[in-house]
Amino acid sequence: MNDPNLCQHLQAITQVKLSDEQVCEECIKHNQTWFHLRTCQTCGVTLCCDQSVNQHMTKHYHATQHPVIASAQPGERWLWCYPDEAFVEY
């Protein structure tokens, strides 16, 4: 993302990682359901969002400090930076 108004984490994204996965692997392991999916822009894992009961992507952020996620929902094109609480559509 080449926009000087963005935080350093969002500026560091040169190519958005998207996933073909349409499941939250953590929810699958525990026979649980999810609402929407997000893809980590550091490692590429796809997990459930904060509207899901288990909030696996936020737990992933707290465990790894990987700062930026992308929506993995069809038709949605946005990024979120956890540490800077910054949102951008692309």
C-alpha atoms as a PDB file:
ATOM      1  CA  MET A   1       0.000   0.000   0.000  1.00  0.00           C
ATOM      2  CA  ASN A   2       1.649   3.193  -1.099  1.00  0.00           C
ATOM      3  CA  ASP A   3      -0.165   5.868   0.923  1.00  0.00           C
ATOM      4  CA  PRO A   4       1.790   8.084   3.346  1.00  0.00           C
ATOM      5  CA  ASN A   5      -1.362   8.506   5.469  1.00  0.00           C
ATOM      6  CA  LEU A   6      -1.368   4.809   6.363  1.00  0.00           C
ATOM      7  CA  CYS A   7       0.400   3.328   9.368  1.00  0.00           C
ATOM      8  CA  GLN A   8       3.750   1.615   8.804  1.00  0.00           C
ATOM      9  CA  HIS A   9       2.177  -1.858   9.032  1.00  0.00           C
ATOM     10  CA  LEU A  10      -0.316  -1.155   6.249  1.00  0.00           C
ATOM     11  CA  GLN A  11       2.344   0.602   4.159  1.00  0.00           C
ATOM     12  CA  ALA A  12       4.455  -2.566   4.377  1.00  0.00           C
ATOM     13  CA  ILE A  13       1.807  -4.629   2.542  1.00  0.00           C
ATOM     14  CA  THR A  14       2.953  -4.921  -1.069  1.00  0.00           C
ATOM     15  CA  GLN A  15       0.648  -7.785  -2.062  1.00  0.00           C
ATOM     16  CA  VAL A  16      -2.496  -8.818  -0.213  1.00  0.00           C
ATOM     17  CA  LYS A  17      -2.483 -12.489   0.764  1.00  0.00           C
ATOM     18  CA  LEU A  18      -5.809 -14.108   0.034  1.00  0.00           C
ATOM     19  CA  SER A  19      -6.819 -17.606   0.977  1.00  0.00           C
ATOM     20  CA  ASP A  20      -8.775 -20.276  -0.834  1.00  0.00           C
ATOM     21  CA  GLU A  21      -9.698 -21.630   2.596  1.00  0.00           C
ATOM     22  CA  GLN A  22     -13.312 -21.026   3.507  1.00  0.00           C
ATOM     23  CA  VAL A  23     -13.054 -22.548   6.976  1.00  0.00           C
ATOM     24  CA  CYS A  24     -11.554 -21.590  10.305  1.00  0.00           C
ATOM     25  CA  GLU A  25      -9.154 -24.445  11.034  1.00  0.00           C
ATOM     26  CA  GLU A  26      -9.318 -23.778  14.796  1.00  0.00           C
ATOM     27  CA  CYS A  27     -13.118 -23.933  14.809  1.00  0.00           C
ATOM     28  CA  ILE A  28     -12.997 -27.160  12.764  1.00  0.00           C
ATOM     29  CA  LYS A  29     -10.635 -28.747  15.318  1.00  0.00           C
ATOM     30  CA  HIS A  30     -13.137 -28.061  18.108  1.00  0.00           C
ATOM     31  CA  ASN A  31     -16.339 -28.737  16.132  1.00  0.00           C
ATOM     32  CA  GLN A  32     -17.390 -25.082  16.370  1.00  0.00           C
ATOM     33  CA  THR A  33     -18.863 -22.625  13.884  1.00  0.00           C
ATOM     34  CA  TRP A  34     -17.635 -19.218  12.714  1.00  0.00           C
ATOM     35  CA  PHE A  35     -19.142 -16.072  11.243  1.00  0.00           C
ATOM     36  CA  HIS A  36     -16.620 -14.447   8.863  1.00  0.00           C
ATOM     37  CA  LEU A  37     -13.006 -15.246   8.019  1.00  0.00           C
ATOM     38  CA  ARG A  38      -9.826 -13.154   8.036  1.00  0.00           C
ATOM     39  CA  THR A  39      -6.381 -13.887   6.565  1.00  0.00           C
ATOM     40  CA  CYS A  40      -3.178 -12.940   8.397  1.00  0.00           C
ATOM     41  CA  GLN A  41      -0.920 -10.906   6.130  1.00  0.00           C
ATOM     42  CA  THR A  42       2.229 -12.157   7.855  1.00  0.00           C
ATOM     43  CA  CYS A  43       1.779 -15.931   7.790  1.00  0.00           C
ATOM     44  CA  GLY A  44      -1.310 -16.462   5.623  1.00  0.00           C
ATOM     45  CA  VAL A  45      -3.409 -18.378   8.159  1.00  0.00           C
ATOM     46  CA  THR A  46      -7.174 -17.917   7.793  1.00  0.00           C
ATOM     47  CA  LEU A  47      -9.219 -17.804  11.002  1.00  0.00           C
ATOM     48  CA  CYS A  48     -12.553 -16.516  12.278  1.00  0.00           C
ATOM     49  CA  CYS A  49     -13.373 -12.880  13.024  1.00  0.00           C
ATOM     50  CA  ASP A  50     -14.378 -11.073  16.205  1.00  0.00           C
ATOM     51  CA  GLN A  51     -18.074 -11.612  15.466  1.00  0.00           C
ATOM     52  CA  SER A  52     -17.405 -15.332  15.865  1.00  0.00           C
ATOM     53  CA  VAL A  53     -17.674 -16.780  19.357  1.00  0.00           C
ATOM     54  CA  ASN A  54     -14.012 -17.792  19.582  1.00  0.00           C
ATOM     55  CA  GLN A  55     -12.401 -14.803  17.840  1.00  0.00           C
ATOM     56  CA  HIS A  56      -9.505 -16.968  16.628  1.00  0.00           C
ATOM     57  CA  MET A  57      -7.877 -14.285  14.445  1.00  0.00           C
ATOM     58  CA  THR A  58      -7.629 -11.825  17.341  1.00  0.00           C
ATOM     59  CA  LYS A  59      -6.213 -14.617  19.516  1.00  0.00           C
ATOM     60  CA  HIS A  60      -3.693 -15.285  16.725  1.00  0.00           C
ATOM     61  CA  TYR A  61      -2.673 -11.610  16.770  1.00  0.00           C
ATOM     62  CA  HIS A  62      -2.179 -11.628  20.556  1.00  0.00           C
ATOM     63  CA  ALA A  63      -0.112 -14.828  20.367  1.00  0.00           C
ATOM     64  CA  THR A  64       2.050 -13.811  17.383  1.00  0.00           C
ATOM     65  CA  GLN A  65       1.895 -10.008  17.121  1.00  0.00           C
ATOM     66  CA  HIS A  66       1.252 -10.361  13.365  1.00  0.00           C
ATOM     67  CA  PRO A  67      -0.242  -6.894  12.828  1.00  0.00           C
ATOM     68  CA  VAL A  68      -2.371  -6.902   9.657  1.00  0.00           C
ATOM     69  CA  ILE A  69      -5.323  -8.999   8.500  1.00  0.00           C
ATOM     70  CA  ALA A  70      -7.421  -8.976   5.336  1.00  0.00           C
ATOM     71  CA  SER A  71     -11.037  -9.938   5.009  1.00  0.00           C
ATOM     72  CA  ALA A  72     -11.360 -13.379   3.448  1.00  0.00           C
ATOM     73  CA  GLN A  73     -15.013 -12.785   2.626  1.00  0.00           C
ATOM     74  CA  PRO A  74     -15.957 -12.784  -1.070  1.00  0.00           C
ATOM     75  CA  GLY A  75     -16.546  -9.241  -2.277  1.00  0.00           C
ATOM     76  CA  GLU A  76     -14.795  -7.581   0.666  1.00  0.00           C
ATOM     77  CA  ARG A  77     -11.451  -5.857  -0.005  1.00  0.00           C
ATOM     78  CA  TRP A  78     -10.070  -4.355   3.177  1.00  0.00           C
ATOM     79  CA  LEU A  79      -7.175  -4.575   5.621  1.00  0.00           C
ATOM     80  CA  TRP A  80      -7.097  -4.004   9.387  1.00  0.00           C
ATOM     81  CA  CYS A  81      -4.032  -3.189  11.481  1.00  0.00           C
ATOM     82  CA  TYR A  82      -4.415  -4.366  15.088  1.00  0.00           C
ATOM     83  CA  PRO A  83      -1.740  -2.250  16.830  1.00  0.00           C
ATOM     84  CA  ASP A  84      -2.708   0.987  15.090  1.00  0.00           C
ATOM     85  CA  GLU A  85      -6.445   0.220  14.851  1.00  0.00           C
ATOM     86  CA  ALA A  86      -6.300   1.316  11.221  1.00  0.00           C
ATOM     87  CA  PHE A  87      -8.637   0.244   8.439  1.00  0.00           C
ATOM     88  CA  VAL A  88      -8.171   0.654   4.682  1.00  0.00           C
ATOM     89  CA  GLU A  89     -10.064  -0.577   1.647  1.00  0.00           C
ATOM     90  CA  TYR A  90      -7.985  -1.600  -1.348  1.00  0.00           C
END
